[in-house]
Amino acid sequence: MRLARPAHPMAAATAAAVFLLAGCGGGGDGSKDDKIDGAGGSADKSASPSKSGAPAEGDTADFRTSDIELPDDVKLVFDWKQPSDKKKAAALDGAADYLRALTHGTVAQDPKDPVVGKHTVPLQTAEEFATRLIEMDAKDGVTATGEERYYRESVGDVVDGKLVEVAFCVDQSKFYDKDVKTGKVRRTEEDASSYMRYTLVMQEPKGDGPWQARGFEFEGKAVKQCRD
């Protein structure tokens, strides 16, 4: 696993930054409101062909496609189902690309990676989490390798016409740190900290572009909810 290793505790970073589901409602102006209520969703696994820009009118956004390029030794598996509702589909698509952007920033060793900026609402907890995570990876001189799986998702109802809560499990039992300079993989054994649950609040953009991650909440050692 990657994020729960002693030298790089996700829980500590989360607590320090108070990563709650703030920032629901309003625009991307830094204001923070209450958590929104979500409804259940479900799950599908597929490959990731490329895409460019926002979906054309009448099309449904698809989380299985992305133009974010990652190294060949990194595999992000989205074991999710495609929603029929277009806004929910766009929110789930945006959530998938936010997760890809996190890894892209770590690979680039750049907390200000423009790919991350494209997929986050400025001055909100999802952006803060991404920045802190990439900063720690860069400081430790590590990147990512292996397979990270996302599953058991739930996609909430659309709130205020522009906000959707997306929650899901994360399995990092086959996802590892790799030393940037030496290429050595820091393999760790599967344990309770391999399983986590994330909750994102996704926000529809004002113009063209992807739905962006706004709120972020992390639950570590989510074995009961997430272990198969």
Protein backbone atom coordinates (compact mmCIF):
# COMPACT_ATOMS: atom_id res chain seq x y z
CA MET A 1 0.00 0.00 0.00
CA ARG A 2 1.09 3.62 -0.40
CA LEU A 3 -0.60 6.24 1.70
CA ALA A 4 -0.76 4.58 5.10
CA ARG A 5 2.93 3.80 5.52
CA PRO A 6 4.48 5.18 8.75
CA ALA A 7 6.67 7.68 6.90
CA HIS A 8 3.70 9.11 5.03
CA PRO A 9 0.51 8.85 7.11
CA MET A 10 -2.59 9.96 5.21
CA ALA A 11 -4.52 10.21 8.45
CA ALA A 12 -2.05 12.73 9.87
CA ALA A 13 -2.23 14.87 6.76
CA THR A 14 -5.99 14.69 6.81
CA ALA A 15 -6.27 15.66 10.47
CA ALA A 16 -3.81 18.51 10.09
CA ALA A 17 -5.73 20.04 7.21
CA VAL A 18 -9.21 19.23 8.62
CA PHE A 19 -10.35 17.59 5.40
CA LEU A 20 -14.12 17.65 5.88
CA LEU A 21 -16.92 17.88 3.38
CA ALA A 22 -16.74 21.62 3.40
CA GLY A 23 -17.32 23.75 0.37
CA CYS A 24 -20.76 22.57 -0.69
CA GLY A 25 -23.00 25.15 -2.22
CA GLY A 26 -21.83 28.43 -3.67
CA GLY A 27 -19.14 28.86 -6.29
CA GLY A 28 -15.38 28.32 -6.23
CA ASP A 29 -14.79 31.40 -4.10
CA GLY A 30 -13.35 29.73 -1.02
CA SER A 31 -16.60 29.73 0.98
CA LYS A 32 -17.41 26.57 2.97
CA ASP A 33 -20.87 25.31 3.81
CA ASP A 34 -22.45 22.10 5.09
CA LYS A 35 -22.16 18.54 3.84
CA ILE A 36 -24.71 17.53 1.24
CA ASP A 37 -26.80 14.38 1.48
CA GLY A 38 -26.08 11.61 -1.03
CA ALA A 39 -27.97 8.70 -2.49
CA GLY A 40 -26.62 5.26 -3.38
CA GLY A 41 -24.97 4.17 -6.61
CA SER A 42 -23.21 1.00 -7.81
CA ALA A 43 -20.18 -0.46 -9.99
CA ASP A 44 -18.32 -1.47 -13.55
CA LYS A 45 -14.77 -2.14 -14.56
CA SER A 46 -13.34 -1.08 -17.88
CA ALA A 47 -10.33 0.23 -19.75
CA SER A 48 -9.62 3.93 -20.25
CA PRO A 49 -9.63 5.16 -23.85
CA SER A 50 -8.77 8.82 -24.40
CA LYS A 51 -11.08 11.83 -24.35
CA SER A 52 -10.62 15.53 -24.87
CA GLY A 53 -12.62 18.40 -23.42
CA ALA A 54 -16.18 18.31 -22.09
CA PRO A 55 -18.67 15.83 -23.60
CA ALA A 56 -20.62 17.07 -26.61
CA GLU A 57 -24.24 18.05 -26.09
CA GLY A 58 -26.36 14.92 -25.81
CA ASP A 59 -23.39 12.75 -24.80
CA THR A 60 -22.92 11.28 -21.34
CA ALA A 61 -19.55 11.75 -19.61
CA ASP A 62 -17.76 8.44 -19.07
CA PHE A 63 -15.38 7.84 -16.14
CA ARG A 64 -13.73 5.05 -18.14
CA THR A 65 -12.16 7.55 -20.54
CA SER A 66 -9.44 10.09 -19.82
CA ASP A 67 -6.74 12.16 -21.48
CA ILE A 68 -4.62 12.15 -18.31
CA GLU A 69 -1.52 10.09 -19.08
CA LEU A 70 0.09 7.96 -16.36
CA PRO A 71 3.17 5.69 -16.48
CA ASP A 72 2.78 2.13 -17.74
CA ASP A 73 3.54 0.73 -14.28
CA VAL A 74 0.58 2.59 -12.72
CA LYS A 75 -2.91 1.14 -13.10
CA LEU A 76 -6.00 2.81 -11.64
CA VAL A 77 -8.97 0.44 -11.75
CA PHE A 78 -12.44 1.99 -11.60
CA ASP A 79 -14.81 -0.81 -10.64
CA TRP A 80 -17.84 1.44 -10.97
CA LYS A 81 -21.12 1.49 -12.91
CA GLN A 82 -21.93 4.27 -15.34
CA PRO A 83 -24.90 6.39 -14.14
CA SER A 84 -27.71 7.03 -16.62
CA ASP A 85 -28.30 10.55 -15.26
CA LYS A 86 -26.05 12.93 -17.21
CA LYS A 87 -25.06 15.15 -14.30
CA LYS A 88 -24.32 12.18 -12.06
CA ALA A 89 -22.27 10.65 -14.88
CA ALA A 90 -20.34 13.91 -15.29
CA ALA A 91 -19.71 14.09 -11.53
CA LEU A 92 -18.41 10.50 -11.44
CA ASP A 93 -16.27 11.21 -14.49
CA GLY A 94 -14.82 14.24 -12.72
CA ALA A 95 -14.14 12.20 -9.58
CA ALA A 96 -12.21 9.61 -11.61
CA ASP A 97 -10.09 12.29 -13.23
CA TYR A 98 -9.43 13.91 -9.84
CA LEU A 99 -7.98 10.60 -8.68
CA ARG A 100 -5.90 10.34 -11.85
CA ALA A 101 -4.73 13.91 -11.30
CA LEU A 102 -3.54 13.07 -7.77
CA THR A 103 -1.29 10.35 -9.18
CA HIS A 104 -0.22 12.55 -12.09
CA GLY A 105 0.95 15.22 -9.63
CA THR A 106 2.90 12.64 -7.62
CA VAL A 107 4.55 11.28 -10.77
CA ALA A 108 5.42 14.85 -11.82
CA GLN A 109 6.59 15.61 -8.24
CA ASP A 110 4.77 18.93 -8.62
CA PRO A 111 2.28 20.19 -5.99
CA LYS A 112 1.27 22.88 -8.49
CA ASP A 113 0.70 20.43 -11.32
CA PRO A 114 -1.72 22.13 -13.77
CA VAL A 115 -3.52 18.80 -14.22
CA VAL A 116 -4.46 18.93 -10.53
CA GLY A 117 -5.52 22.55 -10.91
CA LYS A 118 -7.81 21.66 -13.79
CA HIS A 119 -9.67 19.10 -11.70
CA THR A 120 -10.06 20.94 -8.38
CA VAL A 121 -12.01 23.96 -7.15
CA PRO A 122 -9.50 26.54 -5.87
CA LEU A 123 -9.13 27.08 -2.12
CA GLN A 124 -11.23 24.06 -1.18
CA THR A 125 -10.37 20.88 0.71
CA ALA A 126 -9.96 18.64 -2.35
CA GLU A 127 -7.27 20.98 -3.69
CA GLU A 128 -5.64 21.28 -0.27
CA PHE A 129 -5.52 17.51 0.13
CA ALA A 130 -3.97 17.06 -3.32
CA THR A 131 -1.34 19.72 -2.64
CA ARG A 132 -0.38 18.28 0.76
CA LEU A 133 -0.22 14.73 -0.58
CA ILE A 134 2.00 15.63 -3.55
CA GLU A 135 4.21 17.84 -1.37
CA MET A 136 4.84 14.89 0.98
CA ASP A 137 5.61 12.56 -1.91
CA ALA A 138 8.03 15.07 -3.44
CA LYS A 139 9.71 15.66 -0.09
CA ASP A 140 10.10 11.90 0.43
CA GLY A 141 11.30 11.44 -3.15
CA VAL A 142 8.69 8.80 -3.98
CA THR A 143 6.28 8.22 -6.82
CA ALA A 144 3.62 5.55 -7.29
CA THR A 145 3.60 2.11 -8.89
CA GLY A 146 1.20 -0.82 -8.98
CA GLU A 147 -2.59 -1.01 -8.98
CA GLU A 148 -5.06 1.08 -7.03
CA ARG A 149 -8.72 0.02 -7.16
CA TYR A 150 -11.84 2.12 -6.58
CA TYR A 151 -15.15 0.33 -5.95
CA ARG A 152 -18.46 0.25 -4.00
CA GLU A 153 -19.28 3.75 -5.10
CA SER A 154 -22.38 5.74 -4.26
CA VAL A 155 -23.43 8.79 -6.22
CA GLY A 156 -25.73 11.25 -4.49
CA ASP A 157 -28.53 13.36 -5.91
CA VAL A 158 -27.76 16.64 -7.64
CA VAL A 159 -27.98 19.53 -5.16
CA ASP A 160 -28.58 23.13 -6.25
CA GLY A 161 -28.23 21.88 -9.83
CA LYS A 162 -24.44 21.75 -9.56
CA LEU A 163 -23.19 19.64 -6.63
CA VAL A 164 -22.98 15.86 -6.33
CA GLU A 165 -21.51 13.78 -3.52
CA VAL A 166 -19.48 10.76 -4.66
CA ALA A 167 -18.24 8.20 -2.10
CA PHE A 168 -16.25 5.04 -2.77
CA CYS A 169 -13.83 2.49 -1.36
CA VAL A 170 -10.11 2.46 -2.16
CA ASP A 171 -7.95 -0.68 -2.18
CA GLN A 172 -4.21 0.04 -2.06
CA SER A 173 -3.08 -3.50 -1.24
CA LYS A 174 -1.25 -3.67 -4.61
CA PHE A 175 -0.24 0.00 -4.78
CA TYR A 176 3.27 0.96 -3.63
CA ASP A 177 5.77 3.78 -3.29
CA LYS A 178 8.71 3.81 -5.68
CA ASP A 179 11.93 5.73 -5.05
CA VAL A 180 12.27 8.39 -7.75
CA LYS A 181 16.08 8.24 -7.90
CA THR A 182 16.71 4.50 -7.64
CA GLY A 183 13.44 3.07 -8.96
CA LYS A 184 13.29 0.73 -5.96
CA VAL A 185 9.75 -0.31 -5.02
CA ARG A 186 8.89 -0.12 -1.34
CA ARG A 187 6.60 -3.13 -1.06
CA THR A 188 4.42 -3.49 2.03
CA GLU A 189 2.09 -6.20 3.25
CA GLU A 190 -1.68 -5.90 2.99
CA ASP A 191 -3.34 -4.88 6.25
CA ALA A 192 -6.30 -2.85 7.54
CA SER A 193 -4.74 0.40 6.35
CA SER A 194 -4.82 -0.87 2.77
CA TYR A 195 -8.56 -0.08 2.70
CA MET A 196 -9.94 3.43 2.79
CA ARG A 197 -13.12 5.29 1.94
CA TYR A 198 -13.14 8.66 0.23
CA THR A 199 -16.04 11.08 -0.10
CA LEU A 200 -15.83 13.85 -2.68
CA VAL A 201 -18.18 16.71 -3.39
CA MET A 202 -18.04 17.37 -7.11
CA GLN A 203 -18.97 20.74 -8.58
CA GLU A 204 -20.20 21.50 -12.07
CA PRO A 205 -18.06 24.09 -13.90
CA LYS A 206 -19.55 27.44 -14.82
CA GLY A 207 -18.45 27.02 -18.44
CA ASP A 208 -16.95 24.21 -20.48
CA GLY A 209 -14.68 21.72 -18.76
CA PRO A 210 -14.82 18.82 -16.33
CA TRP A 211 -16.66 18.65 -13.04
CA GLN A 212 -14.16 19.56 -10.34
CA ALA A 213 -13.49 18.10 -6.89
CA ARG A 214 -14.48 20.57 -4.17
CA GLY A 215 -14.93 18.80 -0.83
CA PHE A 216 -12.86 15.87 0.40
CA GLU A 217 -13.32 13.50 3.33
CA PHE A 218 -11.07 10.56 4.20
CA GLU A 219 -11.77 7.51 6.35
CA GLY A 220 -8.78 5.28 7.03
CA LYS A 221 -8.75 1.56 7.82
CA ALA A 222 -12.25 1.22 6.36
CA VAL A 223 -12.13 -2.58 6.53
CA LYS A 224 -15.78 -3.16 7.45
CA GLN A 225 -17.10 -1.06 4.58
CA CYS A 226 -14.51 -1.90 1.96
CA ARG A 227 -12.88 -5.29 2.39
CA ASP A 228 -14.22 -7.85 -0.08
